[in-house]
């Protein structure tokens, strides 16, 4: 299952925690402030 196309899998096949949290953080910011989402 891939939520975003920019999460790089780690050698064991798991997504990088840093990338997961960064993606979540970006998603939350875009929800809280749509003007900052670049849409």
PDB file of N, CA and C in Angstrom:
ATOM      1  N   UNK A   1       0.850  -1.196   0.000  1.00  0.00           N
ATOM      2  CA  UNK A   1       0.000   0.000   0.000  1.00  0.00           C
ATOM      3  C   UNK A   1       0.880   1.237   0.000  1.00  0.00           C
ATOM      4  N   UNK A   2       0.645   2.120  -0.940  1.00  0.00           N
ATOM      5  CA  UNK A   2       1.455   3.333  -1.028  1.00  0.00           C
ATOM      6  C   UNK A   2       0.563   4.553  -0.919  1.00  0.00           C
ATOM      7  N   UNK A   3       0.782   5.364   0.114  1.00  0.00           N
ATOM      8  CA  UNK A   3      -0.025   6.572   0.287  1.00  0.00           C
ATOM      9  C   UNK A   3       0.490   7.694  -0.590  1.00  0.00           C
ATOM     10  N   UNK A   4       1.813   7.806  -0.694  1.00  0.00           N
ATOM     11  CA  UNK A   4       2.406   8.841  -1.532  1.00  0.00           C
ATOM     12  C   UNK A   4       3.493   8.216  -2.373  1.00  0.00           C
ATOM     13  N   UNK A   5       3.872   8.876  -3.441  1.00  0.00           N
ATOM     14  CA  UNK A   5       4.871   8.314  -4.350  1.00  0.00           C
ATOM     15  C   UNK A   5       6.288   8.676  -3.932  1.00  0.00           C
ATOM     16  N   UNK A   6       6.442   9.525  -2.895  1.00  0.00           N
ATOM     17  CA  UNK A   6       7.785   9.989  -2.548  1.00  0.00           C
ATOM     18  C   UNK A   6       8.361   9.299  -1.322  1.00  0.00           C
ATOM     19  N   UNK A   7       7.645   8.307  -0.763  1.00  0.00           N
ATOM     20  CA  UNK A   7       8.192   7.569   0.382  1.00  0.00           C
ATOM     21  C   UNK A   7       9.156   6.514  -0.143  1.00  0.00           C
ATOM     22  N   UNK A   8      10.406   6.605   0.309  1.00  0.00           N
ATOM     23  CA  UNK A   8      11.419   5.656  -0.138  1.00  0.00           C
ATOM     24  C   UNK A   8      11.443   4.460   0.813  1.00  0.00           C
ATOM     25  N   UNK A   9      11.244   3.251   0.310  1.00  0.00           N
ATOM     26  CA  UNK A   9      11.299   2.088   1.194  1.00  0.00           C
ATOM     27  C   UNK A   9      12.704   1.856   1.745  1.00  0.00           C
ATOM     28  N   UNK A  10      12.766   1.404   2.981  1.00  0.00           N
ATOM     29  CA  UNK A  10      14.040   1.022   3.570  1.00  0.00           C
ATOM     30  C   UNK A  10      14.432  -0.353   3.009  1.00  0.00           C
ATOM     31  N   UNK A  11      15.700  -0.772   3.204  1.00  0.00           N
ATOM     32  CA  UNK A  11      16.149  -2.069   2.670  1.00  0.00           C
ATOM     33  C   UNK A  11      15.262  -3.242   3.081  1.00  0.00           C
ATOM     34  N   UNK A  12      14.636  -3.170   4.246  1.00  0.00           N
ATOM     35  CA  UNK A  12      13.789  -4.284   4.685  1.00  0.00           C
ATOM     36  C   UNK A  12      12.378  -4.181   4.099  1.00  0.00           C
ATOM     37  N   UNK A  13      12.125  -3.151   3.308  1.00  0.00           N
ATOM     38  CA  UNK A  13      10.830  -3.017   2.655  1.00  0.00           C
ATOM     39  C   UNK A  13       9.873  -2.086   3.378  1.00  0.00           C
ATOM     40  N   UNK A  14      10.251  -1.630   4.576  1.00  0.00           N
ATOM     41  CA  UNK A  14       9.380  -0.729   5.313  1.00  0.00           C
ATOM     42  C   UNK A  14       9.658   0.713   4.910  1.00  0.00           C
ATOM     43  N   UNK A  15       8.628   1.548   4.856  1.00  0.00           N
ATOM     44  CA  UNK A  15       8.867   2.954   4.531  1.00  0.00           C
ATOM     45  C   UNK A  15       9.662   3.638   5.633  1.00  0.00           C
ATOM     46  N   UNK A  16      10.450   4.621   5.255  1.00  0.00           N
ATOM     47  CA  UNK A  16      11.243   5.361   6.232  1.00  0.00           C
ATOM     48  C   UNK A  16      10.329   6.134   7.166  1.00  0.00           C
ATOM     49  N   UNK A  17      10.554   6.021   8.476  1.00  0.00           N
ATOM     50  CA  UNK A  17       9.714   6.737   9.438  1.00  0.00           C
ATOM     51  C   UNK A  17       9.754   8.233   9.194  1.00  0.00           C
ATOM     52  N   UNK A  18      10.934   8.762   8.902  1.00  0.00           N
ATOM     53  CA  UNK A  18      11.065  10.200   8.685  1.00  0.00           C
ATOM     54  C   UNK A  18      10.184  10.636   7.523  1.00  0.00           C
ATOM     55  N   UNK A  19      10.190   9.861   6.438  1.00  0.00           N
ATOM     56  CA  UNK A  19       9.372  10.222   5.288  1.00  0.00           C
ATOM     57  C   UNK A  19       7.887  10.090   5.589  1.00  0.00           C
ATOM     58  N   UNK A  20       7.523   9.066   6.369  1.00  0.00           N
ATOM     59  CA  UNK A  20       6.119   8.887   6.740  1.00  0.00           C
ATOM     60  C   UNK A  20       5.645  10.084   7.550  1.00  0.00           C
ATOM     61  N   UNK A  21       6.407  10.451   8.582  1.00  0.00           N
ATOM     62  CA  UNK A  21       5.997  11.560   9.427  1.00  0.00           C
ATOM     63  C   UNK A  21       6.008  12.873   8.667  1.00  0.00           C
ATOM     64  N   UNK A  22       6.961  13.043   7.760  1.00  0.00           N
ATOM     65  CA  UNK A  22       7.006  14.269   6.959  1.00  0.00           C
ATOM     66  C   UNK A  22       5.776  14.363   6.072  1.00  0.00           C
ATOM     67  N   UNK A  23       5.374  13.249   5.482  1.00  0.00           N
ATOM     68  CA  UNK A  23       4.191  13.244   4.623  1.00  0.00           C
ATOM     69  C   UNK A  23       2.940  13.559   5.430  1.00  0.00           C
ATOM     70  N   UNK A  24       2.840  12.972   6.631  1.00  0.00           N
ATOM     71  CA  UNK A  24       1.697  13.245   7.500  1.00  0.00           C
ATOM     72  C   UNK A  24       1.686  14.715   7.894  1.00  0.00           C
ATOM     73  N   UNK A  25       2.859  15.248   8.257  1.00  0.00           N
ATOM     74  CA  UNK A  25       2.963  16.640   8.671  1.00  0.00           C
ATOM     75  C   UNK A  25       2.538  17.571   7.543  1.00  0.00           C
ATOM     76  N   UNK A  26       2.987  17.274   6.325  1.00  0.00           N
ATOM     77  CA  UNK A  26       2.616  18.098   5.176  1.00  0.00           C
ATOM     78  C   UNK A  26       1.115  18.020   4.922  1.00  0.00           C
ATOM     79  N   UNK A  27       0.543  16.833   5.071  1.00  0.00           N
ATOM     80  CA  UNK A  27      -0.893  16.668   4.854  1.00  0.00           C
ATOM     81  C   UNK A  27      -1.692  17.452   5.888  1.00  0.00           C
ATOM     82  N   UNK A  28      -1.266  17.381   7.150  1.00  0.00           N
ATOM     83  CA  UNK A  28      -1.962  18.122   8.195  1.00  0.00           C
ATOM     84  C   UNK A  28      -1.874  19.622   7.949  1.00  0.00           C
ATOM     85  N   UNK A  29      -0.700  20.101   7.551  1.00  0.00           N
ATOM     86  CA  UNK A  29      -0.541  21.530   7.290  1.00  0.00           C
ATOM     87  C   UNK A  29      -1.429  21.975   6.138  1.00  0.00           C
ATOM     88  N   UNK A  30      -1.548  21.143   5.111  1.00  0.00           N
ATOM     89  CA  UNK A  30      -2.373  21.518   3.962  1.00  0.00           C
ATOM     90  C   UNK A  30      -3.853  21.549   4.350  1.00  0.00           C
ATOM     91  N   UNK A  31      -4.233  20.715   5.322  1.00  0.00           N
ATOM     92  CA  UNK A  31      -5.622  20.715   5.793  1.00  0.00           C
ATOM     93  C   UNK A  31      -5.873  21.936   6.675  1.00  0.00           C
ATOM     94  N   UNK A  32      -4.938  22.226   7.565  1.00  0.00           N
ATOM     95  CA  UNK A  32      -5.093  23.353   8.479  1.00  0.00           C
ATOM     96  C   UNK A  32      -5.042  24.685   7.744  1.00  0.00           C
ATOM     97  N   UNK A  33      -4.191  24.775   6.718  1.00  0.00           N
ATOM     98  CA  UNK A  33      -3.999  26.031   5.998  1.00  0.00           C
ATOM     99  C   UNK A  33      -3.986  25.758   4.497  1.00  0.00           C
ATOM    100  N   UNK A  34      -5.166  25.645   3.879  1.00  0.00           N
ATOM    101  CA  UNK A  34      -5.227  25.291   2.455  1.00  0.00           C
ATOM    102  C   UNK A  34      -4.447  26.253   1.564  1.00  0.00           C
ATOM    103  N   UNK A  35      -4.356  27.513   1.950  1.00  0.00           N
ATOM    104  CA  UNK A  35      -3.642  28.494   1.132  1.00  0.00           C
ATOM    105  C   UNK A  35      -2.160  28.145   1.037  1.00  0.00           C
ATOM    106  N   UNK A  36      -1.622  27.470   2.066  1.00  0.00           N
ATOM    107  CA  UNK A  36      -0.206  27.112   2.074  1.00  0.00           C
ATOM    108  C   UNK A  36       0.034  25.804   1.322  1.00  0.00           C
ATOM    109  N   UNK A  37      -1.040  25.132   0.911  1.00  0.00           N
ATOM    110  CA  UNK A  37      -0.895  23.857   0.217  1.00  0.00           C
ATOM    111  C   UNK A  37      -0.533  24.014  -1.244  1.00  0.00           C
ATOM    112  N   UNK A  38      -0.544  25.243  -1.746  1.00  0.00           N
ATOM    113  CA  UNK A  38      -0.158  25.477  -3.133  1.00  0.00           C
ATOM    114  C   UNK A  38      -1.236  25.079  -4.124  1.00  0.00           C
ATOM    115  N   UNK A  39      -2.478  24.935  -3.628  1.00  0.00           N
ATOM    116  CA  UNK A  39      -3.548  24.516  -4.538  1.00  0.00           C
ATOM    117  C   UNK A  39      -4.295  25.691  -5.105  1.00  0.00           C
TER     118      UNK A  39
END
